[in-house]
Amino acid sequence: MSILVLGTVALDTVKTPFGKRIEMLGGSATHFAMAATLFTKVDLVAVVGDDFPKIYFDFLRKKGVNITSLHQQGGRTFRWRGEYKGDLNTALTLETELGVLSFFRPKISECQKNSRYIFLANVDPDIQHYLLQIIHCPYFVGLDSMNYWIHHKRKSLLKLLKKVNIFVANEAEARTISGEYNLLKAAKALSSFGSKMVMIKKGEHGVLFYCDRFIFSLPAYPVAKIVDPTGAGDTFAGGFMGYLAKTNKITELNIRRAIAYACVIASFNVEGFGLEKTSKLTLANVNNRFREYKKIINF
């Protein structure tokens, strides 16, 4: 079963203690797609400017991503410039340029309107809501956001939470929107807002999943050298949704396995800049590390 992902396709400039990359391909939808395509087909919905390099269009096509709804408009492509210091857990945003994203309205084909698995990656909640309204009968919808939208478009985001199956957030986002510092309390509060399933990403400390029926927590796969965490959360979401779409059954066992696969795939992401690692991944690579991961968490 394929996935429709709405989000950003960006040009990222990133500096970490291990180097710097200028205007590399990034964005929430891009990182999501790299992970999800390991399991299923992905339709990517986003916008770029007329300055977007042709080689990146070619790259996405070669990776098997359907980019018929990746629209190109006059103007500049969304750009993000950031830096990581110390333990690399938090990005310092130096510059954000919305460009064509500031007036984007998603356009998808009639066939894509029948998509059953939808992921609303980090982008303006009003854009996310617009897309969801034109989907005919979604089966499983995931939602991601960020602190900027939580602060500036809280009402839109809360309205959207009532229409999705799972909300994916990092620790800071979960605490900000819920008003609870304890993550379990935050997850319960977020669930009460409408999204029955909540997943809180804790970076190097793993992930917490919450729903009324069960709670599940896993550590991150231990990585010896973290080079660049940019896109790790989107990669995690792509691995999670991709595995669920492949099984096409939302069961407790499949959710647990999807989270484990997501942790493993995200561990590859942080070992290189941008898409350097995830773009070269095969399912065989992932399964090898998945077996190692099972041994690590078994007791």
Protein backbone atom coordinates (compact mmCIF):
# COMPACT_ATOMS: atom_id res chain seq x y z
CA MET A 1 0.00 0.00 0.00
CA SER A 2 1.50 3.34 -1.06
CA ILE A 3 1.86 6.47 1.10
CA LEU A 4 1.08 10.08 0.24
CA VAL A 5 3.39 12.48 2.09
CA LEU A 6 2.95 16.24 2.25
CA GLY A 7 5.86 18.33 3.47
CA THR A 8 8.85 20.36 2.42
CA VAL A 9 11.54 19.77 -0.17
CA ALA A 10 14.32 22.11 0.82
CA LEU A 11 17.88 23.24 0.26
CA ASP A 12 19.66 22.81 3.59
CA THR A 13 22.91 24.38 4.71
CA VAL A 14 24.18 22.57 7.79
CA LYS A 15 27.25 22.92 9.96
CA THR A 16 28.29 20.43 12.64
CA PRO A 17 31.61 19.70 14.39
CA PHE A 18 32.26 17.22 11.56
CA GLY A 19 31.95 19.61 8.64
CA LYS A 20 29.58 21.72 6.58
CA ARG A 21 27.30 21.15 3.62
CA ILE A 22 25.82 23.98 1.53
CA GLU A 23 22.36 23.76 -0.07
CA MET A 24 22.10 19.98 0.01
CA LEU A 25 18.77 18.33 -0.71
CA GLY A 26 16.62 18.15 2.43
CA GLY A 27 13.17 18.88 3.78
CA SER A 28 10.65 16.93 5.84
CA ALA A 29 9.01 15.17 2.88
CA THR A 30 12.35 14.25 1.33
CA HIS A 31 13.77 12.60 4.46
CA PHE A 32 10.44 10.85 5.06
CA ALA A 33 10.37 9.49 1.51
CA MET A 34 13.93 8.11 1.65
CA ALA A 35 12.92 5.90 4.59
CA ALA A 36 9.40 4.97 3.50
CA THR A 37 10.48 3.84 0.01
CA LEU A 38 12.39 0.99 1.64
CA PHE A 39 8.99 -0.60 2.25
CA THR A 40 6.47 0.85 -0.20
CA LYS A 41 5.78 3.37 -2.95
CA VAL A 42 5.68 7.04 -1.95
CA ASP A 43 3.82 9.93 -3.58
CA LEU A 44 5.50 13.19 -2.57
CA VAL A 45 3.51 16.43 -2.40
CA ALA A 46 5.52 19.65 -2.08
CA VAL A 47 6.63 22.79 -3.87
CA VAL A 48 10.01 24.09 -5.02
CA GLY A 49 11.13 27.24 -6.78
CA ASP A 50 12.46 27.71 -10.28
CA ASP A 51 15.97 27.69 -8.78
CA PHE A 52 15.65 24.05 -7.66
CA PRO A 53 18.49 22.00 -9.21
CA LYS A 54 17.43 19.53 -11.90
CA ILE A 55 19.80 16.93 -10.48
CA TYR A 56 17.62 16.72 -7.37
CA PHE A 57 14.51 16.01 -9.47
CA ASP A 58 16.47 13.25 -11.19
CA PHE A 59 17.74 11.94 -7.86
CA LEU A 60 14.23 11.60 -6.40
CA ARG A 61 12.96 9.83 -9.52
CA LYS A 62 15.86 7.37 -9.45
CA LYS A 63 15.06 6.59 -5.81
CA GLY A 64 11.57 5.56 -6.89
CA VAL A 65 9.71 8.52 -5.40
CA ASN A 66 6.64 9.63 -7.37
CA ILE A 67 7.16 13.39 -7.82
CA THR A 68 4.26 14.18 -10.13
CA SER A 69 2.86 16.34 -7.30
CA LEU A 70 6.17 18.03 -6.57
CA HIS A 71 5.31 21.34 -8.20
CA GLN A 72 7.76 23.96 -9.39
CA GLN A 73 6.74 27.62 -9.18
CA GLY A 74 8.39 30.94 -9.89
CA GLY A 75 10.44 32.08 -6.90
CA ARG A 76 13.00 30.68 -4.51
CA THR A 77 12.98 27.21 -2.99
CA PHE A 78 12.49 26.84 0.77
CA ARG A 79 15.86 27.07 2.50
CA TRP A 80 17.05 26.26 6.01
CA ARG A 81 20.45 27.06 7.50
CA GLY A 82 21.40 25.63 10.87
CA GLU A 83 24.25 24.58 13.12
CA TYR A 84 24.76 21.84 15.69
CA LYS A 85 27.19 22.13 18.59
CA GLY A 86 28.10 20.08 21.65
CA ASP A 87 26.12 16.84 21.85
CA LEU A 88 24.32 17.65 18.56
CA ASN A 89 20.91 17.16 20.18
CA THR A 90 19.57 20.60 19.30
CA ALA A 91 19.83 22.56 16.06
CA LEU A 92 20.47 26.27 16.17
CA THR A 93 18.45 27.78 13.33
CA LEU A 94 20.46 30.56 11.72
CA GLU A 95 18.15 31.37 8.83
CA THR A 96 14.85 30.22 7.35
CA GLU A 97 13.65 31.36 3.92
CA LEU A 98 10.11 30.24 3.09
CA GLY A 99 10.24 31.26 -0.58
CA VAL A 100 7.48 29.61 -2.63
CA LEU A 101 6.31 27.71 0.45
CA SER A 102 4.68 30.91 1.73
CA PHE A 103 1.93 30.71 -0.91
CA PHE A 104 1.77 26.95 -1.52
CA ARG A 105 -1.51 25.09 -2.01
CA PRO A 106 -1.15 21.34 -2.68
CA LYS A 107 -2.35 19.93 -5.99
CA ILE A 108 -2.69 16.18 -6.41
CA SER A 109 -4.12 13.83 -9.01
CA GLU A 110 -7.55 12.21 -8.79
CA CYS A 111 -5.83 8.89 -8.18
CA GLN A 112 -3.83 10.33 -5.26
CA LYS A 113 -7.04 11.60 -3.69
CA ASN A 114 -7.86 7.93 -3.03
CA SER A 115 -4.68 7.40 -0.98
CA ARG A 116 -5.30 5.46 2.23
CA TYR A 117 -2.04 6.15 4.07
CA ILE A 118 -1.29 9.85 4.53
CA PHE A 119 1.54 11.55 6.37
CA LEU A 120 1.38 15.28 7.01
CA ALA A 121 5.04 16.11 7.56
CA ASN A 122 6.21 19.38 9.08
CA VAL A 123 4.64 22.30 7.21
CA ASP A 124 2.02 24.98 7.92
CA PRO A 125 -1.06 23.33 9.60
CA ASP A 126 -3.36 25.21 7.22
CA ILE A 127 -1.60 23.54 4.27
CA GLN A 128 -1.86 20.16 6.01
CA HIS A 129 -5.58 20.69 6.62
CA TYR A 130 -6.14 21.76 3.01
CA LEU A 131 -4.62 18.53 1.70
CA LEU A 132 -6.51 16.31 4.13
CA GLN A 133 -9.80 17.88 3.03
CA ILE A 134 -9.33 16.74 -0.56
CA ILE A 135 -8.48 13.13 0.35
CA HIS A 136 -11.59 11.01 -0.19
CA CYS A 137 -11.37 8.28 2.45
CA PRO A 138 -8.06 8.10 4.33
CA TYR A 139 -7.46 4.96 6.38
CA PHE A 140 -4.46 5.98 8.50
CA VAL A 141 -3.21 9.57 8.88
CA GLY A 142 -0.04 10.67 10.64
CA LEU A 143 0.82 14.23 11.62
CA ASP A 144 4.06 16.02 12.48
CA SER A 145 4.63 19.67 13.37
CA MET A 146 7.14 21.97 15.04
CA ASN A 147 7.29 24.60 17.77
CA TYR A 148 6.91 27.49 15.30
CA TRP A 149 3.45 26.27 14.25
CA ILE A 150 2.55 25.33 17.82
CA HIS A 151 3.18 28.92 18.88
CA HIS A 152 1.81 30.73 15.83
CA LYS A 153 -1.03 28.46 14.62
CA ARG A 154 -2.10 26.56 17.73
CA LYS A 155 -5.83 26.67 16.89
CA SER A 156 -5.24 25.22 13.43
CA LEU A 157 -3.02 22.50 14.84
CA LEU A 158 -5.49 21.52 17.57
CA LYS A 159 -8.26 21.32 14.97
CA LEU A 160 -6.07 19.04 12.87
CA LEU A 161 -5.31 16.74 15.81
CA LYS A 162 -8.97 15.70 15.82
CA LYS A 163 -8.66 14.38 12.26
CA VAL A 164 -5.53 12.21 12.47
CA ASN A 165 -4.73 8.75 13.82
CA ILE A 166 -1.25 9.45 15.19
CA PHE A 167 0.62 12.59 16.20
CA VAL A 168 4.42 12.46 16.06
CA ALA A 169 6.33 15.04 18.10
CA ASN A 170 9.70 15.51 19.75
CA GLU A 171 10.02 16.13 23.50
CA ALA A 172 9.95 19.92 23.32
CA GLU A 173 6.96 19.97 20.98
CA ALA A 174 5.00 17.50 23.10
CA ARG A 175 5.63 19.54 26.25
CA THR A 176 4.80 22.84 24.58
CA ILE A 177 1.47 21.86 23.09
CA SER A 178 0.30 19.74 26.05
CA GLY A 179 1.52 22.00 28.86
CA GLU A 180 2.88 18.90 30.64
CA TYR A 181 6.57 18.37 31.41
CA ASN A 182 6.32 14.64 32.18
CA LEU A 183 6.27 12.88 28.81
CA LEU A 184 3.72 10.25 29.78
CA LYS A 185 1.35 12.96 30.98
CA ALA A 186 2.10 14.92 27.81
CA ALA A 187 1.24 11.90 25.66
CA LYS A 188 -2.04 11.35 27.52
CA ALA A 189 -2.93 15.03 27.12
CA LEU A 190 -2.16 14.98 23.39
CA SER A 191 -4.28 11.86 22.98
CA SER A 192 -7.18 13.61 24.68
CA PHE A 193 -6.92 16.40 22.07
CA GLY A 194 -8.10 13.95 19.41
CA SER A 195 -5.20 11.88 18.09
CA LYS A 196 -5.64 8.51 19.79
CA MET A 197 -2.04 7.50 19.13
CA VAL A 198 0.91 9.65 20.16
CA MET A 199 4.59 9.07 19.45
CA ILE A 200 7.19 11.18 21.24
CA LYS A 201 10.67 11.14 19.73
CA LYS A 202 13.43 11.52 22.34
CA GLY A 203 16.48 11.67 20.06
CA GLU A 204 19.36 9.59 21.38
CA HIS A 205 17.09 8.43 24.21
CA GLY A 206 14.66 6.63 21.92
CA VAL A 207 10.89 6.90 21.59
CA LEU A 208 7.70 6.69 23.63
CA PHE A 209 4.44 5.44 22.06
CA TYR A 210 1.10 5.93 23.78
CA CYS A 211 -2.47 4.89 23.09
CA ASP A 212 -5.38 3.81 25.29
CA ARG A 213 -4.62 0.12 24.79
CA PHE A 214 -0.88 0.03 25.41
CA ILE A 215 2.32 1.99 26.03
CA PHE A 216 5.56 1.10 24.28
CA SER A 217 9.06 2.49 24.67
CA LEU A 218 12.30 1.70 22.88
CA PRO A 219 15.86 3.06 23.12
CA ALA A 220 17.64 4.49 20.11
CA TYR A 221 20.08 2.24 18.27
CA PRO A 222 23.52 3.13 19.71
CA VAL A 223 25.56 5.04 17.14
CA ALA A 224 29.30 5.52 17.71
CA LYS A 225 29.60 8.74 15.70
CA ILE A 226 26.71 11.14 15.10
CA VAL A 227 27.61 13.40 12.16
CA ASP A 228 24.37 15.27 11.39
CA PRO A 229 20.94 14.72 13.03
CA THR A 230 19.08 16.83 10.43
CA GLY A 231 16.04 14.92 9.21
CA ALA A 232 16.35 12.08 11.72
CA GLY A 233 12.82 12.64 13.01
CA ASP A 234 11.37 12.69 9.50
CA THR A 235 13.38 9.57 8.64
CA PHE A 236 11.95 7.89 11.75
CA ALA A 237 8.41 8.79 10.69
CA GLY A 238 9.07 7.47 7.18
CA GLY A 239 10.31 4.15 8.49
CA PHE A 240 7.33 3.83 10.83
CA MET A 241 4.66 4.71 8.26
CA GLY A 242 6.39 2.75 5.50
CA TYR A 243 6.40 -0.47 7.49
CA LEU A 244 2.75 -0.04 8.53
CA ALA A 245 1.68 0.65 4.94
CA LYS A 246 3.54 -2.45 3.77
CA THR A 247 1.71 -4.67 6.27
CA ASN A 248 -1.58 -2.79 5.69
CA LYS A 249 -2.73 -3.88 9.16
CA ILE A 250 -2.74 -1.52 12.15
CA THR A 251 -2.20 -4.06 14.93
CA GLU A 252 -0.28 -3.77 18.19
CA LEU A 253 2.42 -6.13 16.92
CA ASN A 254 2.85 -4.22 13.66
CA ILE A 255 3.03 -0.90 15.50
CA ARG A 256 5.75 -2.24 17.79
CA ARG A 257 7.74 -3.63 14.86
CA ALA A 258 7.25 -0.42 12.87
CA ILE A 259 8.70 1.61 15.75
CA ALA A 260 11.70 -0.72 15.98
CA TYR A 261 12.35 -0.45 12.24
CA ALA A 262 11.99 3.33 12.47
CA CYS A 263 14.62 3.49 15.22
CA VAL A 264 17.03 1.45 13.11
CA ILE A 265 16.56 3.49 9.92
CA ALA A 266 16.92 6.78 11.81
CA SER A 267 20.25 5.51 13.19
CA PHE A 268 21.65 5.42 9.65
CA ASN A 269 20.47 8.97 8.99
CA VAL A 270 22.58 10.55 11.75
CA GLU A 271 25.78 8.85 10.55
CA GLY A 272 26.15 11.21 7.59
CA PHE A 273 25.11 14.63 6.31
CA GLY A 274 21.61 14.96 4.91
CA LEU A 275 20.71 11.99 2.72
CA GLU A 276 24.24 10.63 2.39
CA LYS A 277 23.45 7.44 4.30
CA THR A 278 19.72 6.90 3.84
CA SER A 279 19.81 7.37 0.06
CA LYS A 280 22.15 4.38 -0.23
CA LEU A 281 20.24 2.12 2.15
CA THR A 282 18.77 -1.21 1.11
CA LEU A 283 16.29 -3.29 3.06
CA ALA A 284 19.06 -5.88 3.49
CA ASN A 285 21.21 -3.24 5.28
CA VAL A 286 18.27 -2.34 7.49
CA ASN A 287 17.45 -5.96 8.35
CA ASN A 288 21.06 -6.67 9.32
CA ARG A 289 21.06 -3.78 11.78
CA PHE A 290 17.53 -4.70 12.89
CA ARG A 291 18.82 -8.13 13.99
CA GLU A 292 21.62 -6.44 15.94
CA TYR A 293 19.09 -4.10 17.51
CA LYS A 294 16.92 -7.02 18.66
CA LYS A 295 19.93 -8.54 20.43
CA ILE A 296 20.69 -5.21 22.13
CA ILE A 297 17.18 -4.71 23.52
CA ASN A 298 16.60 -8.38 24.42
CA PHE A 299 17.00 -9.40 28.05
